[in-house]
Amino acid sequence: MKAGYLSQYFSGVAIKRLTSVEANPYSSNQHEFNGVSDLKKIFGKANGKIRFDTKFLYFNDYDDEPVAADGYLTWYDAREKNPKRSEYRLYFPTTQVSVCAAEGDLLVIGLKPDNTVLLIIAENGSTIANQLIWLFGFNNITHPGFSIRGELESDQDKIAFASRTILEHIGIQVNISEESYLDEMIHKFGDFFPSTKIFSQYARSTLKHIDPCESADDALIAWLEREEILFRTFERYQLAERLKKGFSNDVEGFLSFSLSVQNRRKSRIGYALENHLEEIFNSCGVYYSRTKITENKSKPDFIFPSVEKYHDNTFNPQLLTMLGVKNTCKDRWRQVLSEADKIEYKHLLTLETAISENQTNEMKDKKLQLVLPRSLHYTYNNSQQSWIIDFNTFINVVKEKQKNVY
């Protein structure tokens, strides 16, 4: 196990595509995965039936939360008493997750250091399936058996911004902190989080030598990463202080506190992203309006050069630009298509890695240009990378249009 690498969270990972007999409960009652002999590299040899406590998850691109179930996997040699032949099997029970599975879906089995298992089924062709293949470093999963990776301590397994986001999406809490700033945050903010805007400003202030106009892509990722680390550090302190006080059998109080923590985590990253974008636009002399009404109460995240120019019927619509901002896309990217009717070609900035080619092709068809920080482009295939633009390029496009206005 090596801190900062996938080995910190997984002892080994196996991946394959589900076959019909594995996925369809109506065509087979076997409840066993095929081609499992290579899993000995992860689970070892079985002496009797070995049961692994397992968390089952099913993901697709449409639901915000995965289907989840707790259960177990059973690893055994069906011919254990035969000295000349072994026949390993991996049994799984029927769960809400297995019911969702279909032929061709991606199956990921990850053995964790505590000897429990995370089993994920991701819908075939989905973004999360692409992300898991990229995260665990598998290039070819076309053969019928399992592809296996152990160790997980190579350069590609080092946890960075993109991999950390995927890990947390599948329920792996990545431990990051920067204790050297804790006393300063306690002095500045006391026992309560400030507004997201103030906290974003503070995070930027701790990185004094970043010039967003030199590289907007690098600045955005650096600021986001620093804010995430500082947020986790301060949150951990706050949670510890609150837990010290206890809840005195106040179940409702505990539930309310837990819900507030979850809601803050979910909403904060989106606001932080917009705050840092706004700072970059201001620093680089980009004119914009943020969350102003265009038509039918729609409020695009950013309109360039201004919402006043947008509503000026004498203004050339070719000089208008719209940027939607979404930390993750899923199926929600279509929301931006109706947010500025005057602008035919729209832009969407996201931090989502490895979006499926089906979705990016649909974005092209809908005249929506995807914008990602340059450091995330390598999670996409070559065809997608030739179409995606980075944040620096987007800023240059907007500034070029503004030359004809100001």
Protein backbone atom coordinates (compact mmCIF):
# COMPACT_ATOMS: atom_id res chain seq x y z
CA MET A 1 0.00 0.00 0.00
CA LYS A 2 1.43 3.36 -1.05
CA ALA A 3 -0.11 6.68 -0.01
CA GLY A 4 -1.31 8.79 -2.92
CA TYR A 5 -1.75 5.81 -5.25
CA LEU A 6 -4.66 3.51 -6.08
CA SER A 7 -3.00 0.82 -3.96
CA GLN A 8 -4.04 2.86 -0.93
CA TYR A 9 -7.64 1.90 -1.69
CA PHE A 10 -7.41 -1.31 -3.75
CA SER A 11 -5.22 -4.40 -3.45
CA GLY A 12 -6.19 -5.49 -6.94
CA VAL A 13 -8.82 -4.86 -9.61
CA ALA A 14 -10.46 -7.11 -12.20
CA ILE A 15 -12.59 -5.94 -15.11
CA LYS A 16 -14.63 -7.52 -17.92
CA ARG A 17 -17.82 -7.22 -19.99
CA LEU A 18 -20.82 -9.17 -18.72
CA THR A 19 -22.06 -12.03 -20.86
CA SER A 20 -25.73 -12.89 -21.30
CA VAL A 21 -25.67 -15.78 -18.82
CA GLU A 22 -24.00 -13.57 -16.19
CA ALA A 23 -26.38 -10.67 -16.60
CA ASN A 24 -29.79 -12.12 -17.42
CA PRO A 25 -31.52 -13.92 -14.53
CA TYR A 26 -34.14 -15.26 -16.95
CA SER A 27 -31.61 -17.05 -19.17
CA SER A 28 -29.48 -18.52 -16.39
CA ASN A 29 -29.61 -19.35 -12.70
CA GLN A 30 -25.88 -19.86 -12.35
CA HIS A 31 -25.15 -16.71 -10.30
CA GLU A 32 -21.47 -17.14 -11.08
CA PHE A 33 -19.05 -15.10 -13.16
CA ASN A 34 -17.28 -16.84 -16.03
CA GLY A 35 -13.54 -16.99 -16.72
CA VAL A 36 -12.53 -16.44 -13.11
CA SER A 37 -9.33 -18.49 -12.94
CA ASP A 38 -7.23 -15.33 -13.30
CA LEU A 39 -8.87 -13.96 -10.16
CA LYS A 40 -6.45 -16.14 -8.18
CA LYS A 41 -4.03 -13.24 -8.70
CA ILE A 42 -6.32 -11.17 -6.48
CA PHE A 43 -8.17 -13.58 -4.19
CA GLY A 44 -5.50 -16.28 -3.95
CA LYS A 45 -6.13 -20.01 -3.69
CA ALA A 46 -9.30 -21.07 -1.93
CA ASN A 47 -9.34 -23.50 0.96
CA GLY A 48 -13.02 -24.19 1.26
CA LYS A 49 -15.53 -21.46 0.50
CA ILE A 50 -14.23 -17.96 1.21
CA ARG A 51 -16.82 -15.25 1.65
CA PHE A 52 -16.01 -11.59 0.97
CA ASP A 53 -18.30 -8.88 2.29
CA THR A 54 -19.19 -6.85 -0.78
CA LYS A 55 -20.66 -3.46 -1.68
CA PHE A 56 -22.59 -3.72 -4.97
CA LEU A 57 -23.15 -0.59 -7.10
CA TYR A 58 -24.86 -0.03 -10.44
CA PHE A 59 -24.23 3.18 -12.41
CA ASN A 60 -25.67 4.74 -15.54
CA ASP A 61 -25.58 8.25 -17.03
CA TYR A 62 -29.12 9.21 -16.07
CA ASP A 63 -29.55 8.70 -12.33
CA ASP A 64 -27.81 10.99 -9.86
CA GLU A 65 -27.22 8.20 -7.36
CA PRO A 66 -26.21 4.59 -8.04
CA VAL A 67 -28.32 1.57 -7.19
CA ALA A 68 -26.61 0.09 -4.12
CA ALA A 69 -26.80 -3.15 -2.16
CA ASP A 70 -24.77 -4.92 0.50
CA GLY A 71 -24.00 -8.61 0.14
CA TYR A 72 -21.12 -10.99 -0.39
CA LEU A 73 -19.11 -12.86 -2.98
CA THR A 74 -18.11 -16.49 -2.46
CA TRP A 75 -14.78 -17.68 -3.87
CA TYR A 76 -14.19 -21.41 -4.05
CA ASP A 77 -12.69 -24.31 -5.99
CA ALA A 78 -15.45 -26.63 -7.13
CA ARG A 79 -12.84 -29.41 -7.60
CA GLU A 80 -10.83 -28.76 -4.46
CA LYS A 81 -10.58 -32.46 -3.67
CA ASN A 82 -9.26 -33.30 -7.12
CA PRO A 83 -5.43 -33.09 -6.95
CA LYS A 84 -5.07 -32.85 -10.74
CA ARG A 85 -7.64 -30.20 -11.59
CA SER A 86 -9.09 -27.02 -10.15
CA GLU A 87 -12.27 -25.23 -11.17
CA TYR A 88 -12.58 -21.86 -9.51
CA ARG A 89 -15.91 -20.11 -9.21
CA LEU A 90 -17.08 -16.74 -7.93
CA TYR A 91 -20.66 -16.81 -6.71
CA PHE A 92 -22.81 -13.68 -6.37
CA PRO A 93 -26.32 -13.37 -4.88
CA THR A 94 -29.33 -11.72 -6.48
CA THR A 95 -29.44 -8.04 -5.53
CA GLN A 96 -31.02 -4.87 -6.88
CA VAL A 97 -27.71 -4.31 -8.63
CA SER A 98 -27.62 -7.67 -10.40
CA VAL A 99 -31.21 -7.13 -11.53
CA CYS A 100 -30.12 -3.93 -13.30
CA ALA A 101 -27.27 -5.63 -15.17
CA ALA A 102 -27.39 -6.26 -18.92
CA GLU A 103 -25.20 -8.06 -21.41
CA GLY A 104 -22.23 -5.89 -22.36
CA ASP A 105 -22.24 -3.85 -19.17
CA LEU A 106 -18.87 -3.25 -17.55
CA LEU A 107 -18.08 -5.30 -14.44
CA VAL A 108 -15.40 -4.05 -12.04
CA ILE A 109 -14.34 -6.09 -9.00
CA GLY A 110 -12.00 -4.30 -6.61
CA LEU A 111 -10.47 -6.01 -3.57
CA LYS A 112 -9.81 -3.46 -0.85
CA PRO A 113 -6.99 -3.59 1.72
CA ASP A 114 -9.45 -4.55 4.48
CA ASN A 115 -10.35 -7.67 2.45
CA THR A 116 -13.80 -6.41 1.50
CA VAL A 117 -14.87 -6.02 -2.13
CA LEU A 118 -16.37 -3.21 -4.17
CA LEU A 119 -18.29 -4.60 -7.14
CA ILE A 120 -19.46 -2.10 -9.76
CA ILE A 121 -21.62 -2.65 -12.80
CA ALA A 122 -21.65 0.29 -15.23
CA GLU A 123 -24.04 0.55 -18.14
CA ASN A 124 -22.46 -0.30 -21.49
CA GLY A 125 -21.31 2.82 -23.34
CA SER A 126 -21.81 5.09 -20.34
CA THR A 127 -19.47 7.83 -19.19
CA ILE A 128 -18.89 6.14 -15.84
CA ALA A 129 -17.84 2.95 -17.66
CA ASN A 130 -15.28 4.98 -19.64
CA GLN A 131 -14.08 6.62 -16.44
CA LEU A 132 -13.56 3.30 -14.66
CA ILE A 133 -11.61 1.84 -17.58
CA TRP A 134 -9.40 4.94 -17.60
CA LEU A 135 -9.05 5.12 -13.80
CA PHE A 136 -7.79 1.57 -13.44
CA GLY A 137 -5.58 1.71 -16.52
CA PHE A 138 -7.13 -0.99 -18.72
CA ASN A 139 -6.54 -0.63 -22.45
CA ASN A 140 -8.02 -3.82 -23.89
CA ILE A 141 -11.05 -5.58 -22.41
CA THR A 142 -12.37 -7.18 -25.58
CA HIS A 143 -11.43 -10.76 -24.60
CA PRO A 144 -14.09 -12.77 -22.72
CA GLY A 145 -12.21 -13.28 -19.45
CA PHE A 146 -11.14 -10.91 -16.71
CA SER A 147 -8.35 -8.39 -17.14
CA ILE A 148 -6.42 -8.11 -13.89
CA ARG A 149 -4.26 -5.45 -12.28
CA GLY A 150 -2.50 -5.79 -8.95
CA GLU A 151 0.06 -3.57 -7.20
CA LEU A 152 -1.54 -0.34 -8.58
CA GLU A 153 1.52 1.75 -7.79
CA SER A 154 2.74 2.78 -11.25
CA ASP A 155 2.80 6.39 -12.47
CA GLN A 156 -0.63 5.96 -14.03
CA ASP A 157 -2.01 4.94 -10.61
CA LYS A 158 -1.03 8.15 -8.86
CA ILE A 159 -4.12 9.92 -7.57
CA ALA A 160 -4.61 13.40 -9.03
CA PHE A 161 -7.56 15.71 -9.63
CA ALA A 162 -9.30 13.56 -12.26
CA SER A 163 -8.81 10.21 -10.51
CA ARG A 164 -9.82 11.58 -7.12
CA THR A 165 -13.12 12.83 -8.57
CA ILE A 166 -13.94 9.39 -10.02
CA LEU A 167 -12.96 7.57 -6.82
CA GLU A 168 -15.28 9.72 -4.75
CA HIS A 169 -18.06 9.20 -7.28
CA ILE A 170 -17.84 5.45 -6.63
CA GLY A 171 -17.85 5.95 -2.87
CA ILE A 172 -14.13 5.93 -2.07
CA GLN A 173 -13.34 8.76 0.34
CA VAL A 174 -9.92 10.11 -0.63
CA ASN A 175 -8.11 11.48 2.39
CA ILE A 176 -6.49 14.84 1.60
CA SER A 177 -5.60 17.65 3.99
CA GLU A 178 -3.20 20.53 4.53
CA GLU A 179 -2.87 20.94 8.29
CA SER A 180 -0.41 23.82 7.99
CA TYR A 181 -3.32 26.12 7.09
CA LEU A 182 -5.72 24.93 9.81
CA ASP A 183 -4.77 27.42 12.52
CA GLU A 184 -5.01 30.26 10.02
CA MET A 185 -8.49 29.14 8.90
CA ILE A 186 -9.68 28.82 12.51
CA HIS A 187 -8.40 32.35 13.19
CA LYS A 188 -10.07 33.77 10.06
CA PHE A 189 -13.36 31.87 10.09
CA GLY A 190 -13.89 30.59 13.64
CA ASP A 191 -16.09 27.52 13.88
CA PHE A 192 -18.21 28.19 10.78
CA PHE A 193 -17.63 28.00 7.06
CA PRO A 194 -17.75 31.36 5.31
CA SER A 195 -19.62 31.81 2.04
CA THR A 196 -18.26 29.86 -0.89
CA LYS A 197 -17.11 33.11 -2.54
CA ILE A 198 -15.06 34.11 0.51
CA PHE A 199 -13.59 30.62 0.87
CA SER A 200 -12.66 30.58 -2.83
CA GLN A 201 -10.91 33.92 -2.38
CA TYR A 202 -9.00 32.54 0.58
CA ALA A 203 -7.94 29.44 -1.36
CA ARG A 204 -6.57 31.62 -4.18
CA SER A 205 -4.70 33.78 -1.68
CA THR A 206 -2.62 30.76 -0.61
CA LEU A 207 -1.27 30.38 -4.16
CA LYS A 208 0.33 33.75 -4.69
CA HIS A 209 2.45 33.04 -7.77
CA ILE A 210 -0.27 31.90 -10.18
CA ASP A 211 -0.98 34.11 -13.16
CA PRO A 212 -4.37 33.11 -14.65
CA CYS A 213 -3.66 35.07 -17.82
CA GLU A 214 -0.51 33.04 -18.45
CA SER A 215 -2.46 29.77 -18.29
CA ALA A 216 -6.13 29.87 -17.40
CA ASP A 217 -6.25 26.06 -17.54
CA ASP A 218 -3.49 25.59 -14.98
CA ALA A 219 -4.83 28.33 -12.71
CA LEU A 220 -8.32 26.86 -12.66
CA ILE A 221 -7.17 23.36 -11.71
CA ALA A 222 -4.64 24.65 -9.15
CA TRP A 223 -7.23 26.84 -7.44
CA LEU A 224 -9.84 24.08 -7.43
CA GLU A 225 -7.41 21.54 -6.01
CA ARG A 226 -6.22 23.93 -3.30
CA GLU A 227 -9.78 24.85 -2.31
CA GLU A 228 -10.74 21.18 -2.13
CA ILE A 229 -7.80 20.38 0.16
CA LEU A 230 -8.47 23.37 2.42
CA PHE A 231 -12.17 22.59 2.52
CA ARG A 232 -11.53 18.98 3.60
CA THR A 233 -9.05 20.14 6.23
CA PHE A 234 -11.40 22.70 7.75
CA GLU A 235 -14.42 20.41 7.47
CA ARG A 236 -12.61 17.61 9.31
CA TYR A 237 -11.81 20.03 12.14
CA GLN A 238 -15.43 21.24 12.30
CA LEU A 239 -16.84 17.73 12.29
CA ALA A 240 -14.51 16.66 15.08
CA GLU A 241 -15.50 19.65 17.19
CA ARG A 242 -19.21 18.99 16.65
CA LEU A 243 -18.89 15.30 17.45
CA LYS A 244 -17.10 16.13 20.70
CA LYS A 245 -20.27 17.89 21.85
CA GLY A 246 -22.37 14.85 21.02
CA PHE A 247 -26.08 14.77 20.23
CA SER A 248 -27.51 13.49 23.56
CA ASN A 249 -29.86 11.02 21.87
CA ASP A 250 -31.10 13.80 19.59
CA VAL A 251 -31.71 11.67 16.50
CA GLU A 252 -33.34 14.47 14.53
CA GLY A 253 -30.47 16.80 15.38
CA PHE A 254 -27.93 14.23 14.19
CA LEU A 255 -29.85 13.59 10.95
CA SER A 256 -30.17 17.32 10.30
CA PHE A 257 -26.45 17.83 10.90
CA SER A 258 -25.53 14.92 8.61
CA LEU A 259 -27.79 16.20 5.84
CA SER A 260 -26.32 19.70 6.06
CA VAL A 261 -22.81 18.27 5.67
CA GLN A 262 -23.83 16.27 2.59
CA ASN A 263 -25.65 19.20 1.00
CA ARG A 264 -22.71 21.52 1.55
CA ARG A 265 -20.35 19.06 -0.11
CA LYS A 266 -22.63 18.65 -3.13
CA SER A 267 -23.31 22.35 -3.75
CA ARG A 268 -19.90 23.80 -2.91
CA ILE A 269 -17.87 22.51 -5.88
CA GLY A 270 -20.23 24.02 -8.46
CA TYR A 271 -20.12 27.46 -6.82
CA ALA A 272 -16.35 27.21 -6.35
CA LEU A 273 -15.89 26.46 -10.05
CA GLU A 274 -17.94 29.50 -11.07
CA ASN A 275 -16.13 31.71 -8.54
CA HIS A 276 -12.71 30.80 -9.93
CA LEU A 277 -13.90 31.24 -13.51
CA GLU A 278 -15.16 34.71 -12.64
CA GLU A 279 -11.79 35.63 -11.13
CA ILE A 280 -10.01 34.48 -14.29
CA PHE A 281 -12.34 36.51 -16.51
CA ASN A 282 -11.78 39.60 -14.36
CA SER A 283 -8.01 39.15 -14.34
CA CYS A 284 -7.83 38.64 -18.09
CA GLY A 285 -10.06 41.58 -19.02
CA VAL A 286 -12.97 39.50 -20.27
CA TYR A 287 -16.36 41.25 -20.19
CA TYR A 288 -19.27 39.09 -19.02
CA SER A 289 -22.57 38.85 -17.14
CA ARG A 290 -23.08 36.03 -14.64
CA THR A 291 -26.46 34.29 -14.15
CA LYS A 292 -28.57 37.01 -15.75
CA ILE A 293 -31.95 36.33 -17.38
CA THR A 294 -31.97 35.85 -21.13
CA GLU A 295 -35.48 34.62 -21.98
CA ASN A 296 -38.18 32.55 -20.23
CA LYS A 297 -36.44 33.02 -16.86
CA SER A 298 -33.37 31.16 -18.13
CA LYS A 299 -30.13 32.22 -16.43
CA PRO A 300 -27.02 31.05 -18.29
CA ASP A 301 -23.94 30.85 -16.10
CA PHE A 302 -22.05 33.37 -18.25
CA ILE A 303 -23.01 35.60 -21.18
CA PHE A 304 -20.28 37.47 -23.09
CA PRO A 305 -19.81 40.39 -23.46
CA SER A 306 -22.88 41.26 -21.36
CA VAL A 307 -26.56 40.51 -20.92
CA GLU A 308 -27.30 44.11 -21.99
CA LYS A 309 -25.70 43.42 -25.36
CA TYR A 310 -27.66 40.17 -25.51
CA HIS A 311 -30.97 42.05 -25.18
CA ASP A 312 -29.89 44.78 -27.64
CA ASN A 313 -31.64 43.84 -30.89
CA THR A 314 -29.18 46.00 -32.85
CA PHE A 315 -26.18 44.05 -31.55
CA ASN A 316 -24.66 41.42 -33.86
CA PRO A 317 -25.55 37.99 -32.34
CA GLN A 318 -22.36 36.54 -33.87
CA LEU A 319 -20.43 38.52 -31.26
CA LEU A 320 -22.32 36.91 -28.38
CA THR A 321 -21.01 33.87 -26.50
CA MET A 322 -22.64 31.71 -23.86
CA LEU A 323 -20.80 29.47 -21.40
CA GLY A 324 -22.65 26.91 -19.32
CA VAL A 325 -20.73 25.53 -16.33
CA LYS A 326 -21.27 22.07 -14.88
CA ASN A 327 -18.87 20.26 -12.60
CA THR A 328 -20.29 16.96 -13.90
CA CYS A 329 -22.49 16.54 -16.96
CA LYS A 330 -24.40 13.25 -16.85
CA ASP A 331 -27.58 13.92 -18.80
CA ARG A 332 -27.86 17.51 -17.52
CA TRP A 333 -25.75 19.05 -20.26
CA ARG A 334 -28.88 19.39 -22.40
CA GLN A 335 -30.19 22.03 -19.99
CA VAL A 336 -27.86 24.64 -21.44
CA LEU A 337 -29.26 24.24 -24.96
CA SER A 338 -32.32 26.40 -24.20
CA GLU A 339 -30.64 29.05 -22.07
CA ALA A 340 -29.76 31.61 -24.76
CA ASP A 341 -31.88 31.40 -27.89
CA LYS A 342 -29.96 34.11 -29.77
CA ILE A 343 -26.72 32.15 -29.62
CA GLU A 344 -26.64 29.27 -32.09
CA TYR A 345 -23.34 27.69 -31.03
CA LYS A 346 -23.07 27.33 -27.27
CA HIS A 347 -20.18 26.36 -24.98
CA LEU A 348 -20.12 24.14 -21.91
CA LEU A 349 -17.23 23.99 -19.45
CA THR A 350 -17.03 20.90 -17.29
CA LEU A 351 -14.60 18.95 -15.13
CA GLU A 352 -16.14 15.63 -16.18
CA THR A 353 -13.56 13.14 -17.39
CA ALA A 354 -13.97 10.55 -20.15
CA ILE A 355 -17.49 11.48 -21.26
CA SER A 356 -18.83 8.78 -23.57
CA GLU A 357 -18.37 9.28 -27.31
CA ASN A 358 -22.12 8.88 -27.79
CA GLN A 359 -22.71 11.95 -25.65
CA THR A 360 -19.96 14.07 -27.19
CA ASN A 361 -21.27 13.19 -30.66
CA GLU A 362 -24.71 14.34 -29.58
CA MET A 363 -23.20 17.57 -28.24
CA LYS A 364 -21.68 18.18 -31.67
CA ASP A 365 -25.03 17.56 -33.33
CA LYS A 366 -26.69 20.02 -30.93
CA LYS A 367 -24.02 22.68 -31.69
CA LEU A 368 -22.61 22.56 -28.18
CA GLN A 369 -18.84 22.94 -27.83
CA LEU A 370 -17.25 21.17 -24.86
CA VAL A 371 -14.58 23.09 -22.92
CA LEU A 372 -12.24 21.33 -20.45
CA PRO A 373 -9.04 22.32 -18.67
CA ARG A 374 -6.14 21.00 -20.73
CA SER A 375 -4.96 18.55 -18.03
CA LEU A 376 -8.21 16.57 -18.33
CA HIS A 377 -8.13 16.08 -22.11
CA TYR A 378 -6.03 12.91 -21.92
CA THR A 379 -8.94 11.03 -20.32
CA TYR A 380 -10.71 11.20 -23.72
CA ASN A 381 -9.95 9.26 -26.90
CA ASN A 382 -8.03 10.83 -29.78
CA SER A 383 -11.12 11.63 -31.82
CA GLN A 384 -12.72 13.48 -28.92
CA GLN A 385 -9.53 15.33 -28.07
CA SER A 386 -9.35 16.75 -31.59
CA TRP A 387 -12.75 18.38 -31.00
CA ILE A 388 -12.63 19.47 -27.34
CA ILE A 389 -11.12 22.90 -26.67
CA ASP A 390 -9.25 24.00 -23.56
CA PHE A 391 -10.09 26.97 -21.36
CA ASN A 392 -7.26 29.14 -22.76
CA THR A 393 -8.68 28.69 -26.25
CA PHE A 394 -12.16 29.64 -25.09
CA ILE A 395 -10.88 32.85 -23.50
CA ASN A 396 -9.04 33.77 -26.70
CA VAL A 397 -12.22 33.22 -28.73
CA VAL A 398 -14.20 35.52 -26.44
CA LYS A 399 -11.50 38.21 -26.35
CA GLU A 400 -11.23 38.16 -30.14
CA LYS A 401 -14.98 38.87 -30.39
CA GLN A 402 -14.67 41.66 -27.85
CA LYS A 403 -12.17 43.49 -30.07
CA ASN A 404 -15.13 44.30 -32.30
CA VAL A 405 -17.16 45.69 -29.40
CA TYR A 406 -14.91 47.70 -27.04
